[in-house]
């Protein structure tokens, strides 16, 4: 970022956005767990070619925008939407994966019902990583930073001072021009935090000395040409955590059975909630490269 005054340094204080991730209430924890456990529905149903093949997904991580429906045991809008009890598998299959809409709702009104029940919250999201749960919300935050200049370029002196002031006022929405930067931060973070990660245990039958070109979908002419093969790995659904430092969180670390660590990716002593907040503050400071925020 170009310095305002070359070869200078200065301090500034301002109020800007950041995210605060806190332990959720008992009711929200229960709801996060329900959705977390249904996360494997996000993966397409596998196709097997032998009756002994199996696949098991064990949830490890999920991050998502909830909705008014997910935030309550049931949801209704008088005169528009009948009382609809929350169902975690329907929420995952319909709202997060956006499939089976016709099957889960009245085909004649599915568009209206889907939008009303699945519309995203705009100022918070939920996360579960291993056994840690978080509700992350937009906060007005006080920043006190010092710019250090080298030549005609400037950067922020680390560490800088910051503190939470208050949650974003409820009247502010995504279209509120005064909250533009706040939702820029939320949506940017969610682009990395959103998604699902699970361990995969696959038992499949592979051919050995198969006379039919090694293709397990073709009939096998001998009784011993199939061999049981076990495969362990992890899989993600729209997950981009690997592009950030969030995978190094102390409460994210993947089981080495599924993700061997060569020592180059050691975890930090910070939780994923703390790292989400840190990432949001760094993104806020990056907005100074855009003149619209000066």
Foldseek 3Di string as FASTA:
>chain_A
DFAPDFPDKDKDKDKDKFKFKDADDPVLLVLVVQLQQLQVLLDDDDDAQDPPKDKDWAFFKAKDFAAPQSVDQWDADPPQGDTGGDDNNCCCNCQVNNPPLVVVDPVVCSVVVSCRRRPGDQFWMWMDGHHGIIIMGMFTKMWMWMWDHDGRDIDTDPPTDMDTDGGDDPVDDCPRVVCVRRSVLVVVLCLARHWTKTKMKIKGWWFAPAPPPRDSNDDGPDDPGIDIDIDIAMDIDSHRNVVDLLCLAPRHPDDCVHPPDPPPRHHDPHHSSVVSRVVSVVVRVVCVVPPVVD
